[in-house]
Amino acid sequence: MSFLIRQLGYVAVAAVACFYVFVALRGPNGIPTMMEKRRQIEHLKLENDALRQEIDRRKVAIEQLQTSDDARRRAVREQTRKAMEGDITVYLPEPSTDSQH
């Protein structure tokens, strides 16, 4: 009889432990939350990579502006929308946002 009660006790403890593990993994700090955090981390890594590329691109542009007179002139012309004598400017019509066919 004592052996049977001891075995039932072990089974009961194992069942309670399994139930606790199940509830803990499904709870607010469980597997679904962990998967969402991992997705957010991946998204932020991609965003950081894109921002690093933009920073590198801007560093190159700044370096060109500091060292090249032609780059400075081109930048000024683009900003002021003015052309130098001898430049050819082509104006294209803005694409219409109307969907009238």
PDB file of N, CA and C in Angstrom:
ATOM      1  N   MET A   1       0.829  -1.189   0.000  1.00  0.00           N
ATOM      2  CA  MET A   1       0.000   0.000   0.000  1.00  0.00           C
ATOM      3  C   MET A   1       0.874   1.254   0.000  1.00  0.00           C
ATOM      4  N   SER A   2       1.917   1.284   0.816  1.00  0.00           N
ATOM      5  CA  SER A   2       2.814   2.423   0.908  1.00  0.00           C
ATOM      6  C   SER A   2       3.502   2.682  -0.446  1.00  0.00           C
ATOM      7  N   PHE A   3       3.860   1.603  -1.152  1.00  0.00           N
ATOM      8  CA  PHE A   3       4.502   1.709  -2.452  1.00  0.00           C
ATOM      9  C   PHE A   3       3.570   2.380  -3.450  1.00  0.00           C
ATOM     10  N   LEU A   4       2.275   2.019  -3.420  1.00  0.00           N
ATOM     11  CA  LEU A   4       1.280   2.578  -4.341  1.00  0.00           C
ATOM     12  C   LEU A   4       1.067   4.074  -4.062  1.00  0.00           C
ATOM     13  N   ILE A   5       1.016   4.448  -2.805  1.00  0.00           N
ATOM     14  CA  ILE A   5       0.829   5.859  -2.444  1.00  0.00           C
ATOM     15  C   ILE A   5       2.048   6.670  -2.873  1.00  0.00           C
ATOM     16  N   ARG A   6       3.234   6.095  -2.689  1.00  0.00           N
ATOM     17  CA  ARG A   6       4.460   6.775  -3.096  1.00  0.00           C
ATOM     18  C   ARG A   6       4.467   6.986  -4.619  1.00  0.00           C
ATOM     19  N   GLN A   7       4.072   5.969  -5.367  1.00  0.00           N
ATOM     20  CA  GLN A   7       4.014   6.075  -6.830  1.00  0.00           C
ATOM     21  C   GLN A   7       2.993   7.137  -7.255  1.00  0.00           C
ATOM     22  N   LEU A   8       1.830   7.164  -6.625  1.00  0.00           N
ATOM     23  CA  LEU A   8       0.814   8.174  -6.928  1.00  0.00           C
ATOM     24  C   LEU A   8       1.327   9.574  -6.594  1.00  0.00           C
ATOM     25  N   GLY A   9       2.091   9.686  -5.524  1.00  0.00           N
ATOM     26  CA  GLY A   9       2.684  10.971  -5.156  1.00  0.00           C
ATOM     27  C   GLY A   9       3.651  11.451  -6.224  1.00  0.00           C
ATOM     28  N   TYR A  10       4.500  10.555  -6.733  1.00  0.00           N
ATOM     29  CA  TYR A  10       5.428  10.922  -7.803  1.00  0.00           C
ATOM     30  C   TYR A  10       4.687  11.344  -9.064  1.00  0.00           C
ATOM     31  N   VAL A  11       3.647  10.617  -9.397  1.00  0.00           N
ATOM     32  CA  VAL A  11       2.857  10.946 -10.583  1.00  0.00           C
ATOM     33  C   VAL A  11       2.186  12.306 -10.404  1.00  0.00           C
ATOM     34  N   ALA A  12       1.654  12.548  -9.194  1.00  0.00           N
ATOM     35  CA  ALA A  12       0.996  13.826  -8.932  1.00  0.00           C
ATOM     36  C   ALA A  12       1.999  14.977  -9.016  1.00  0.00           C
ATOM     37  N   VAL A  13       3.173  14.814  -8.444  1.00  0.00           N
ATOM     38  CA  VAL A  13       4.209  15.848  -8.503  1.00  0.00           C
ATOM     39  C   VAL A  13       4.633  16.085  -9.954  1.00  0.00           C
ATOM     40  N   ALA A  14       4.806  15.033 -10.718  1.00  0.00           N
ATOM     41  CA  ALA A  14       5.186  15.169 -12.125  1.00  0.00           C
ATOM     42  C   ALA A  14       4.087  15.879 -12.908  1.00  0.00           C
ATOM     43  N   ALA A  15       2.818  15.561 -12.628  1.00  0.00           N
ATOM     44  CA  ALA A  15       1.705  16.207 -13.327  1.00  0.00           C
ATOM     45  C   ALA A  15       1.651  17.695 -12.984  1.00  0.00           C
ATOM     46  N   VAL A  16       1.817  18.029 -11.721  1.00  0.00           N
ATOM     47  CA  VAL A  16       1.806  19.436 -11.314  1.00  0.00           C
ATOM     48  C   VAL A  16       2.980  20.179 -11.956  1.00  0.00           C
ATOM     49  N   ALA A  17       4.150  19.557 -11.994  1.00  0.00           N
ATOM     50  CA  ALA A  17       5.317  20.189 -12.607  1.00  0.00           C
ATOM     51  C   ALA A  17       5.084  20.409 -14.102  1.00  0.00           C
ATOM     52  N   CYS A  18       4.530  19.404 -14.778  1.00  0.00           N
ATOM     53  CA  CYS A  18       4.232  19.555 -16.212  1.00  0.00           C
ATOM     54  C   CYS A  18       3.207  20.665 -16.442  1.00  0.00           C
ATOM     55  N   PHE A  19       2.188  20.735 -15.608  1.00  0.00           N
ATOM     56  CA  PHE A  19       1.177  21.779 -15.743  1.00  0.00           C
ATOM     57  C   PHE A  19       1.805  23.149 -15.530  1.00  0.00           C
ATOM     58  N   TYR A  20       2.672  23.274 -14.537  1.00  0.00           N
ATOM     59  CA  TYR A  20       3.336  24.543 -14.266  1.00  0.00           C
ATOM     60  C   TYR A  20       4.202  24.971 -15.452  1.00  0.00           C
ATOM     61  N   VAL A  21       4.956  24.037 -16.002  1.00  0.00           N
ATOM     62  CA  VAL A  21       5.806  24.340 -17.158  1.00  0.00           C
ATOM     63  C   VAL A  21       4.945  24.782 -18.330  1.00  0.00           C
ATOM     64  N   PHE A  22       3.839  24.092 -18.578  1.00  0.00           N
ATOM     65  CA  PHE A  22       2.934  24.445 -19.670  1.00  0.00           C
ATOM     66  C   PHE A  22       2.392  25.862 -19.487  1.00  0.00           C
ATOM     67  N   VAL A  23       1.936  26.187 -18.279  1.00  0.00           N
ATOM     68  CA  VAL A  23       1.384  27.517 -18.006  1.00  0.00           C
ATOM     69  C   VAL A  23       2.479  28.581 -18.130  1.00  0.00           C
ATOM     70  N   ALA A  24       3.676  28.270 -17.649  1.00  0.00           N
ATOM     71  CA  ALA A  24       4.771  29.234 -17.708  1.00  0.00           C
ATOM     72  C   ALA A  24       5.178  29.516 -19.155  1.00  0.00           C
ATOM     73  N   LEU A  25       5.206  28.495 -19.994  1.00  0.00           N
ATOM     74  CA  LEU A  25       5.598  28.691 -21.384  1.00  0.00           C
ATOM     75  C   LEU A  25       4.520  29.391 -22.194  1.00  0.00           C
ATOM     76  N   ARG A  26       3.279  29.274 -21.809  1.00  0.00           N
ATOM     77  CA  ARG A  26       2.197  29.922 -22.524  1.00  0.00           C
ATOM     78  C   ARG A  26       1.860  31.301 -21.960  1.00  0.00           C
ATOM     79  N   GLY A  27       2.434  31.653 -20.836  1.00  0.00           N
ATOM     80  CA  GLY A  27       2.104  32.897 -20.143  1.00  0.00           C
ATOM     81  C   GLY A  27       2.710  34.124 -20.794  1.00  0.00           C
ATOM     82  N   PRO A  28       2.661  35.258 -20.096  1.00  0.00           N
ATOM     83  CA  PRO A  28       3.108  36.530 -20.656  1.00  0.00           C
ATOM     84  C   PRO A  28       4.616  36.585 -20.935  1.00  0.00           C
ATOM     85  N   ASN A  29       5.402  35.753 -20.296  1.00  0.00           N
ATOM     86  CA  ASN A  29       6.846  35.712 -20.557  1.00  0.00           C
ATOM     87  C   ASN A  29       7.247  34.415 -21.237  1.00  0.00           C
ATOM     88  N   GLY A  30       6.308  33.806 -21.926  1.00  0.00           N
ATOM     89  CA  GLY A  30       6.537  32.496 -22.518  1.00  0.00           C
ATOM     90  C   GLY A  30       7.044  32.552 -23.951  1.00  0.00           C
ATOM     91  N   ILE A  31       6.814  31.468 -24.637  1.00  0.00           N
ATOM     92  CA  ILE A  31       7.316  31.298 -25.997  1.00  0.00           C
ATOM     93  C   ILE A  31       6.730  32.321 -26.974  1.00  0.00           C
ATOM     94  N   PRO A  32       5.415  32.602 -26.979  1.00  0.00           N
ATOM     95  CA  PRO A  32       4.910  33.594 -27.934  1.00  0.00           C
ATOM     96  C   PRO A  32       5.562  34.970 -27.765  1.00  0.00           C
ATOM     97  N   THR A  33       5.781  35.372 -26.541  1.00  0.00           N
ATOM     98  CA  THR A  33       6.434  36.655 -26.285  1.00  0.00           C
ATOM     99  C   THR A  33       7.874  36.633 -26.762  1.00  0.00           C
ATOM    100  N   MET A  34       8.549  35.520 -26.536  1.00  0.00           N
ATOM    101  CA  MET A  34       9.927  35.377 -26.979  1.00  0.00           C
ATOM    102  C   MET A  34      10.009  35.453 -28.505  1.00  0.00           C
ATOM    103  N   MET A  35       9.085  34.832 -29.202  1.00  0.00           N
ATOM    104  CA  MET A  35       9.076  34.866 -30.667  1.00  0.00           C
ATOM    105  C   MET A  35       8.825  36.293 -31.171  1.00  0.00           C
ATOM    106  N   GLU A  36       7.927  37.013 -30.534  1.00  0.00           N
ATOM    107  CA  GLU A  36       7.648  38.404 -30.915  1.00  0.00           C
ATOM    108  C   GLU A  36       8.877  39.280 -30.683  1.00  0.00           C
ATOM    109  N   LYS A  37       9.552  39.089 -29.575  1.00  0.00           N
ATOM    110  CA  LYS A  37      10.771  39.859 -29.285  1.00  0.00           C
ATOM    111  C   LYS A  37      11.851  39.554 -30.320  1.00  0.00           C
ATOM    112  N   ARG A  38      11.974  38.305 -30.711  1.00  0.00           N
ATOM    113  CA  ARG A  38      12.967  37.932 -31.714  1.00  0.00           C
ATOM    114  C   ARG A  38      12.651  38.596 -33.056  1.00  0.00           C
ATOM    115  N   ARG A  39      11.362  38.660 -33.428  1.00  0.00           N
ATOM    116  CA  ARG A  39      10.955  39.316 -34.663  1.00  0.00           C
ATOM    117  C   ARG A  39      11.284  40.812 -34.601  1.00  0.00           C
ATOM    118  N   GLN A  40      11.026  41.427 -33.454  1.00  0.00           N
ATOM    119  CA  GLN A  40      11.336  42.845 -33.287  1.00  0.00           C
ATOM    120  C   GLN A  40      12.839  43.096 -33.394  1.00  0.00           C
ATOM    121  N   ILE A  41      13.633  42.218 -32.816  1.00  0.00           N
ATOM    122  CA  ILE A  41      15.092  42.362 -32.875  1.00  0.00           C
ATOM    123  C   ILE A  41      15.566  42.286 -34.318  1.00  0.00           C
ATOM    124  N   GLU A  42      15.052  41.328 -35.082  1.00  0.00           N
ATOM    125  CA  GLU A  42      15.437  41.200 -36.486  1.00  0.00           C
ATOM    126  C   GLU A  42      15.054  42.453 -37.274  1.00  0.00           C
ATOM    127  N   HIS A  43      13.856  42.976 -37.010  1.00  0.00           N
ATOM    128  CA  HIS A  43      13.402  44.193 -37.693  1.00  0.00           C
ATOM    129  C   HIS A  43      14.326  45.366 -37.358  1.00  0.00           C
ATOM    130  N   LEU A  44      14.698  45.509 -36.089  1.00  0.00           N
ATOM    131  CA  LEU A  44      15.574  46.599 -35.685  1.00  0.00           C
ATOM    132  C   LEU A  44      16.979  46.439 -36.261  1.00  0.00           C
ATOM    133  N   LYS A  45      17.455  45.201 -36.391  1.00  0.00           N
ATOM    134  CA  LYS A  45      18.762  44.980 -37.015  1.00  0.00           C
ATOM    135  C   LYS A  45      18.749  45.433 -38.470  1.00  0.00           C
ATOM    136  N   LEU A  46      17.675  45.092 -39.189  1.00  0.00           N
ATOM    137  CA  LEU A  46      17.564  45.519 -40.585  1.00  0.00           C
ATOM    138  C   LEU A  46      17.502  47.039 -40.692  1.00  0.00           C
ATOM    139  N   GLU A  47      16.750  47.651 -39.781  1.00  0.00           N
ATOM    140  CA  GLU A  47      16.650  49.118 -39.771  1.00  0.00           C
ATOM    141  C   GLU A  47      18.006  49.756 -39.467  1.00  0.00           C
ATOM    142  N   ASN A  48      18.740  49.181 -38.525  1.00  0.00           N
ATOM    143  CA  ASN A  48      20.077  49.696 -38.194  1.00  0.00           C
ATOM    144  C   ASN A  48      21.015  49.580 -39.384  1.00  0.00           C
ATOM    145  N   ASP A  49      20.960  48.460 -40.100  1.00  0.00           N
ATOM    146  CA  ASP A  49      21.805  48.292 -41.277  1.00  0.00           C
ATOM    147  C   ASP A  49      21.484  49.347 -42.338  1.00  0.00           C
ATOM    148  N   ALA A  50      20.198  49.600 -42.547  1.00  0.00           N
ATOM    149  CA  ALA A  50      19.795  50.610 -43.531  1.00  0.00           C
ATOM    150  C   ALA A  50      20.289  51.991 -43.102  1.00  0.00           C
ATOM    151  N   LEU A  51      20.188  52.296 -41.822  1.00  0.00           N
ATOM    152  CA  LEU A  51      20.659  53.597 -41.330  1.00  0.00           C
ATOM    153  C   LEU A  51      22.179  53.716 -41.445  1.00  0.00           C
ATOM    154  N   ARG A  52      22.901  52.627 -41.200  1.00  0.00           N
ATOM    155  CA  ARG A  52      24.361  52.660 -41.349  1.00  0.00           C
ATOM    156  C   ARG A  52      24.747  52.923 -42.804  1.00  0.00           C
ATOM    157  N   GLN A  53      24.036  52.308 -43.729  1.00  0.00           N
ATOM    158  CA  GLN A  53      24.310  52.544 -45.147  1.00  0.00           C
ATOM    159  C   GLN A  53      24.033  54.003 -45.514  1.00  0.00           C
ATOM    160  N   GLU A  54      22.952  54.555 -44.970  1.00  0.00           N
ATOM    161  CA  GLU A  54      22.637  55.963 -45.232  1.00  0.00           C
ATOM    162  C   GLU A  54      23.724  56.875 -44.659  1.00  0.00           C
ATOM    163  N   ILE A  55      24.213  56.561 -43.474  1.00  0.00           N
ATOM    164  CA  ILE A  55      25.294  57.350 -42.860  1.00  0.00           C
ATOM    165  C   ILE A  55      26.542  57.279 -43.731  1.00  0.00           C
ATOM    166  N   ASP A  56      26.886  56.076 -44.196  1.00  0.00           N
ATOM    167  CA  ASP A  56      28.071  55.932 -45.053  1.00  0.00           C
ATOM    168  C   ASP A  56      27.903  56.728 -46.346  1.00  0.00           C
ATOM    169  N   ARG A  57      26.705  56.677 -46.935  1.00  0.00           N
ATOM    170  CA  ARG A  57      26.453  57.414 -48.169  1.00  0.00           C
ATOM    171  C   ARG A  57      26.615  58.913 -47.936  1.00  0.00           C
ATOM    172  N   ARG A  58      26.093  59.399 -46.823  1.00  0.00           N
ATOM    173  CA  ARG A  58      26.203  60.832 -46.525  1.00  0.00           C
ATOM    174  C   ARG A  58      27.646  61.238 -46.217  1.00  0.00           C
ATOM    175  N   LYS A  59      28.409  60.359 -45.566  1.00  0.00           N
ATOM    176  CA  LYS A  59      29.821  60.665 -45.303  1.00  0.00           C
ATOM    177  C   LYS A  59      30.583  60.838 -46.609  1.00  0.00           C
ATOM    178  N   VAL A  60      30.303  59.956 -47.569  1.00  0.00           N
ATOM    179  CA  VAL A  60      30.960  60.062 -48.874  1.00  0.00           C
ATOM    180  C   VAL A  60      30.569  61.369 -49.547  1.00  0.00           C
ATOM    181  N   ALA A  61      29.273  61.715 -49.483  1.00  0.00           N
ATOM    182  CA  ALA A  61      28.813  62.963 -50.110  1.00  0.00           C
ATOM    183  C   ALA A  61      29.469  64.172 -49.446  1.00  0.00           C
ATOM    184  N   ILE A  62      29.587  64.166 -48.140  1.00  0.00           N
ATOM    185  CA  ILE A  62      30.220  65.281 -47.420  1.00  0.00           C
ATOM    186  C   ILE A  62      31.696  65.384 -47.802  1.00  0.00           C
ATOM    187  N   GLU A  63      32.352  64.235 -47.884  1.00  0.00           N
ATOM    188  CA  GLU A  63      33.765  64.239 -48.266  1.00  0.00           C
ATOM    189  C   GLU A  63      33.948  64.796 -49.672  1.00  0.00           C
ATOM    190  N   GLN A  64      33.046  64.433 -50.579  1.00  0.00           N
ATOM    191  CA  GLN A  64      33.131  64.965 -51.943  1.00  0.00           C
ATOM    192  C   GLN A  64      32.906  66.470 -51.945  1.00  0.00           C
ATOM    193  N   LEU A  65      31.954  66.939 -51.138  1.00  0.00           N
ATOM    194  CA  LEU A  65      31.697  68.384 -51.082  1.00  0.00           C
ATOM    195  C   LEU A  65      32.901  69.136 -50.517  1.00  0.00           C
ATOM    196  N   GLN A  66      33.609  68.518 -49.581  1.00  0.00           N
ATOM    197  CA  GLN A  66      34.763  69.181 -48.982  1.00  0.00           C
ATOM    198  C   GLN A  66      35.969  69.216 -49.912  1.00  0.00           C
ATOM    199  N   THR A  67      36.054  68.260 -50.819  1.00  0.00           N
ATOM    200  CA  THR A  67      37.267  68.157 -51.635  1.00  0.00           C
ATOM    201  C   THR A  67      37.079  68.559 -53.092  1.00  0.00           C
ATOM    202  N   SER A  68      35.855  68.608 -53.582  1.00  0.00           N
ATOM    203  CA  SER A  68      35.650  68.828 -55.015  1.00  0.00           C
ATOM    204  C   SER A  68      34.851  70.111 -55.271  1.00  0.00           C
ATOM    205  N   ASP A  69      35.460  71.007 -56.045  1.00  0.00           N
ATOM    206  CA  ASP A  69      34.752  72.235 -56.417  1.00  0.00           C
ATOM    207  C   ASP A  69      33.544  71.919 -57.298  1.00  0.00           C
ATOM    208  N   ASP A  70      33.690  70.954 -58.196  1.00  0.00           N
ATOM    209  CA  ASP A  70      32.572  70.585 -59.072  1.00  0.00           C
ATOM    210  C   ASP A  70      31.388  70.056 -58.263  1.00  0.00           C
ATOM    211  N   ALA A  71      31.671  69.263 -57.246  1.00  0.00           N
ATOM    212  CA  ALA A  71      30.593  68.724 -56.412  1.00  0.00           C
ATOM    213  C   ALA A  71      29.881  69.857 -55.670  1.00  0.00           C
ATOM    214  N   ARG A  72      30.652  70.827 -55.192  1.00  0.00           N
ATOM    215  CA  ARG A  72      30.032  71.966 -54.497  1.00  0.00           C
ATOM    216  C   ARG A  72      29.154  72.767 -55.440  1.00  0.00           C
ATOM    217  N   ARG A  73      29.662  73.040 -56.648  1.00  0.00           N
ATOM    218  CA  ARG A  73      28.859  73.790 -57.617  1.00  0.00           C
ATOM    219  C   ARG A  73      27.571  73.050 -57.971  1.00  0.00           C
ATOM    220  N   ARG A  74      27.695  71.747 -58.190  1.00  0.00           N
ATOM    221  CA  ARG A  74      26.513  70.941 -58.521  1.00  0.00           C
ATOM    222  C   ARG A  74      25.500  70.968 -57.380  1.00  0.00           C
ATOM    223  N   ALA A  75      25.982  70.871 -56.145  1.00  0.00           N
ATOM    224  CA  ALA A  75      25.083  70.882 -54.993  1.00  0.00           C
ATOM    225  C   ALA A  75      24.367  72.224 -54.871  1.00  0.00           C
ATOM    226  N   VAL A  76      25.105  73.306 -55.112  1.00  0.00           N
ATOM    227  CA  VAL A  76      24.485  74.637 -55.039  1.00  0.00           C
ATOM    228  C   VAL A  76      23.434  74.781 -56.124  1.00  0.00           C
ATOM    229  N   ARG A  77      23.749  74.329 -57.327  1.00  0.00           N
ATOM    230  CA  ARG A  77      22.776  74.430 -58.421  1.00  0.00           C
ATOM    231  C   ARG A  77      21.532  73.600 -58.123  1.00  0.00           C
ATOM    232  N   GLU A  78      21.713  72.414 -57.537  1.00  0.00           N
ATOM    233  CA  GLU A  78      20.558  71.585 -57.204  1.00  0.00           C
ATOM    234  C   GLU A  78      19.706  72.229 -56.120  1.00  0.00           C
ATOM    235  N   GLN A  79      20.352  72.819 -55.136  1.00  0.00           N
ATOM    236  CA  GLN A  79      19.614  73.434 -54.036  1.00  0.00           C
ATOM    237  C   GLN A  79      18.881  74.702 -54.479  1.00  0.00           C
ATOM    238  N   THR A  80      19.522  75.505 -55.304  1.00  0.00           N
ATOM    239  CA  THR A  80      18.906  76.768 -55.715  1.00  0.00           C
ATOM    240  C   THR A  80      18.050  76.612 -56.969  1.00  0.00           C
ATOM    241  N   ARG A  81      18.170  75.459 -57.618  1.00  0.00           N
ATOM    242  CA  ARG A  81      17.434  75.185 -58.861  1.00  0.00           C
ATOM    243  C   ARG A  81      17.759  76.224 -59.940  1.00  0.00           C
ATOM    244  N   LYS A  82      19.009  76.600 -60.003  1.00  0.00           N
ATOM    245  CA  LYS A  82      19.472  77.536 -61.022  1.00  0.00           C
ATOM    246  C   LYS A  82      20.539  76.847 -61.849  1.00  0.00           C
ATOM    247  N   ALA A  83      20.601  77.220 -63.109  1.00  0.00           N
ATOM    248  CA  ALA A  83      21.572  76.629 -64.012  1.00  0.00           C
ATOM    249  C   ALA A  83      22.654  77.649 -64.324  1.00  0.00           C
ATOM    250  N   MET A  84      23.825  77.153 -64.615  1.00  0.00           N
ATOM    251  CA  MET A  84      24.917  78.027 -65.030  1.00  0.00           C
ATOM    252  C   MET A  84      24.801  78.254 -66.540  1.00  0.00           C
ATOM    253  N   GLU A  85      25.488  79.248 -66.994  1.00  0.00           N
ATOM    254  CA  GLU A  85      25.467  79.555 -68.416  1.00  0.00           C
ATOM    255  C   GLU A  85      26.021  78.357 -69.187  1.00  0.00           C
ATOM    256  N   GLY A  86      25.260  77.909 -70.181  1.00  0.00           N
ATOM    257  CA  GLY A  86      25.675  76.769 -70.981  1.00  0.00           C
ATOM    258  C   GLY A  86      25.038  75.457 -70.541  1.00  0.00           C
ATOM    259  N   ASP A  87      24.423  75.428 -69.360  1.00  0.00           N
ATOM    260  CA  ASP A  87      23.736  74.220 -68.903  1.00  0.00           C
ATOM    261  C   ASP A  87      22.411  74.077 -69.628  1.00  0.00           C
ATOM    262  N   ILE A  88      22.009  72.860 -69.834  1.00  0.00           N
ATOM    263  CA  ILE A  88      20.709  72.584 -70.448  1.00  0.00           C
ATOM    264  C   ILE A  88      19.803  72.031 -69.360  1.00  0.00           C
ATOM    265  N   THR A  89      18.630  72.637 -69.211  1.00  0.00           N
ATOM    266  CA  THR A  89      17.675  72.206 -68.190  1.00  0.00           C
ATOM    267  C   THR A  89      16.436  71.678 -68.885  1.00  0.00           C
ATOM    268  N   VAL A  90      16.019  70.502 -68.499  1.00  0.00           N
ATOM    269  CA  VAL A  90      14.823  69.889 -69.067  1.00  0.00           C
ATOM    270  C   VAL A  90      13.803  69.754 -67.942  1.00  0.00           C
ATOM    271  N   TYR A  91      12.624  70.315 -68.150  1.00  0.00           N
ATOM    272  CA  TYR A  91      11.556  70.204 -67.170  1.00  0.00           C
ATOM    273  C   TYR A  91      10.551  69.183 -67.666  1.00  0.00           C
ATOM    274  N   LEU A  92      10.282  68.198 -66.873  1.00  0.00           N
ATOM    275  CA  LEU A  92       9.305  67.169 -67.212  1.00  0.00           C
ATOM    276  C   LEU A  92       8.015  67.444 -66.482  1.00  0.00           C
ATOM    277  N   PRO A  93       6.875  67.127 -67.088  1.00  0.00           N
ATOM    278  CA  PRO A  93       5.614  67.352 -66.388  1.00  0.00           C
ATOM    279  C   PRO A  93       5.488  66.419 -65.185  1.00  0.00           C
ATOM    280  N   GLU A  94       4.844  66.936 -64.171  1.00  0.00           N
ATOM    281  CA  GLU A  94       4.599  66.128 -62.975  1.00  0.00           C
ATOM    282  C   GLU A  94       3.623  65.015 -63.321  1.00  0.00           C
ATOM    283  N   PRO A  95       3.833  63.816 -62.810  1.00  0.00           N
ATOM    284  CA  PRO A  95       2.865  62.746 -63.076  1.00  0.00           C
ATOM    285  C   PRO A  95       1.542  63.069 -62.381  1.00  0.00           C
ATOM    286  N   SER A  96       0.460  62.894 -63.109  1.00  0.00           N
ATOM    287  CA  SER A  96      -0.847  63.229 -62.525  1.00  0.00           C
ATOM    288  C   SER A  96      -1.280  62.152 -61.558  1.00  0.00           C
ATOM    289  N   THR A  97      -1.885  62.593 -60.485  1.00  0.00           N
ATOM    290  CA  THR A  97      -2.393  61.657 -59.486  1.00  0.00           C
ATOM    291  C   THR A  97      -3.845  61.303 -59.744  1.00  0.00           C
ATOM    292  N   ASP A  98      -4.454  61.948 -60.733  1.00  0.00           N
ATOM    293  CA  ASP A  98      -5.838  61.644 -61.093  1.00  0.00           C
ATOM    294  C   ASP A  98      -5.871  60.293 -61.802  1.00  0.00           C
ATOM    295  N   SER A  99      -6.911  59.565 -61.577  1.00  0.00           N
ATOM    296  CA  SER A  99      -7.067  58.280 -62.243  1.00  0.00           C
ATOM    297  C   SER A  99      -8.183  58.374 -63.268  1.00  0.00           C
ATOM    298  N   GLN A 100      -8.148  59.432 -64.083  1.00  0.00           N
ATOM    299  CA  GLN A 100      -9.146  59.608 -65.137  1.00  0.00           C
ATOM    300  C   GLN A 100      -8.572  59.066 -66.437  1.00  0.00           C
ATOM    301  N   HIS A 101      -9.233  58.065 -66.989  1.00  0.00           N
ATOM    302  CA  HIS A 101      -8.764  57.454 -68.231  1.00  0.00           C
ATOM    303  C   HIS A 101      -9.748  57.697 -69.303  1.00  0.00           C
TER     304      HIS A 101
END
